[in-house]
C-alpha atoms as a PDB file:
ATOM      1  CA  MET A   1       0.233  -0.072   0.406  1.00  0.00           C
ATOM      2  CA  PRO A   2       1.009   3.575  -1.421  1.00  0.00           C
ATOM      3  CA  LYS A   3       1.989   5.749   2.162  1.00  0.00           C
ATOM      4  CA  GLN A   4       1.823   9.165   2.502  1.00  0.00           C
ATOM      5  CA  GLN A   5       3.039  11.546   3.483  1.00  0.00           C
ATOM      6  CA  PRO A   6       2.655  14.817   5.433  1.00  0.00           C
ATOM      7  CA  GLU A   7       2.801  17.859   4.300  1.00  0.00           C
ATOM      8  CA  GLN A   8       7.421  18.657   3.957  1.00  0.00           C
ATOM      9  CA  GLN A   9       9.688  20.524   2.206  1.00  0.00           C
ATOM     10  CA  PRO A  10      10.042  19.464  -0.455  1.00  0.00           C
ATOM     11  CA  GLU A  11      14.281  18.618   0.420  1.00  0.00           C
ATOM     12  CA  GLN A  12      12.747  16.819   3.047  1.00  0.00           C
ATOM     13  CA  GLN A  13       9.934  14.927   1.153  1.00  0.00           C
ATOM     14  CA  ASP A  14      13.375  14.232  -1.104  1.00  0.00           C
ATOM     15  CA  GLN A  15      15.246  12.998   1.440  1.00  0.00           C
ATOM     16  CA  HIS A  16      12.324  10.819   2.593  1.00  0.00           C
ATOM     17  CA  PHE A  17      11.364   8.928  -1.201  1.00  0.00           C
ATOM     18  CA  LEU A  18      15.372   8.051  -1.079  1.00  0.00           C
ATOM     19  CA  GLN A  19      15.256   6.411   2.474  1.00  0.00           C
ATOM     20  CA  GLN A  20      12.593   4.167   1.538  1.00  0.00           C
ATOM     21  CA  ALA A  21      14.726   3.420  -1.822  1.00  0.00           C
ATOM     22  CA  ILE A  22      17.869   2.673  -0.016  1.00  0.00           C
ATOM     23  CA  GLU A  23      15.905   0.435   2.475  1.00  0.00           C
ATOM     24  CA  LEU A  24      14.917  -1.449  -0.606  1.00  0.00           C
ATOM     25  CA  ALA A  25      18.087  -1.597  -1.822  1.00  0.00           C
ATOM     26  CA  ILE A  26      19.164  -3.088   1.347  1.00  0.00           C
ATOM     27  CA  ASN A  27      16.245  -6.093   1.878  1.00  0.00           C
ATOM     28  CA  SER A  28      17.289  -7.088  -1.631  1.00  0.00           C
ATOM     29  CA  ALA A  29      20.970  -7.531  -1.658  1.00  0.00           C
ATOM     30  CA  THR A  30      19.814  -9.216   2.408  1.00  0.00           C
ATOM     31  CA  GLN A  31      17.898 -11.562   0.755  1.00  0.00           C
ATOM     32  CA  GLN A  32      20.046 -12.552  -2.409  1.00  0.00           C
ATOM     33  CA  GLY A  33      18.588 -10.151  -4.870  1.00  0.00           C
ATOM     34  CA  GLY A  34      20.745  -7.285  -5.813  1.00  0.00           C
ATOM     35  CA  PRO A  35      21.984  -4.236  -4.614  1.00  0.00           C
ATOM     36  CA  PHE A  36      18.833  -1.997  -5.814  1.00  0.00           C
ATOM     37  CA  GLY A  37      15.609   0.153  -5.234  1.00  0.00           C
ATOM     38  CA  ALA A  38      13.511   2.053  -6.938  1.00  0.00           C
ATOM     39  CA  VAL A  39      10.746   3.781  -5.369  1.00  0.00           C
ATOM     40  CA  ILE A  40       8.509   6.001  -7.801  1.00  0.00           C
ATOM     41  CA  VAL A  41       5.757   8.783  -6.301  1.00  0.00           C
ATOM     42  CA  LYS A  42       3.350  10.615  -8.480  1.00  0.00           C
ATOM     43  CA  PRO A  43       2.475  13.462  -6.342  1.00  0.00           C
ATOM     44  CA  GLU A  44       3.663  13.644  -3.421  1.00  0.00           C
ATOM     45  CA  LYS A  45       3.729   9.625  -2.871  1.00  0.00           C
ATOM     46  CA  ILE A  46       4.514   6.390  -3.173  1.00  0.00           C
ATOM     47  CA  SER A  47       3.181   4.342  -5.575  1.00  0.00           C
END
């Protein structure tokens, strides 16, 4: 389910979404996958 964020400054939103991608990459690397993570952000929420 997409996560919605409370209103934040654009830089804070970018940091949040970047952190989500990093967490996905770490998860993938620990599950025998490659160290890759990506999120698609549409109007201020992860799709």
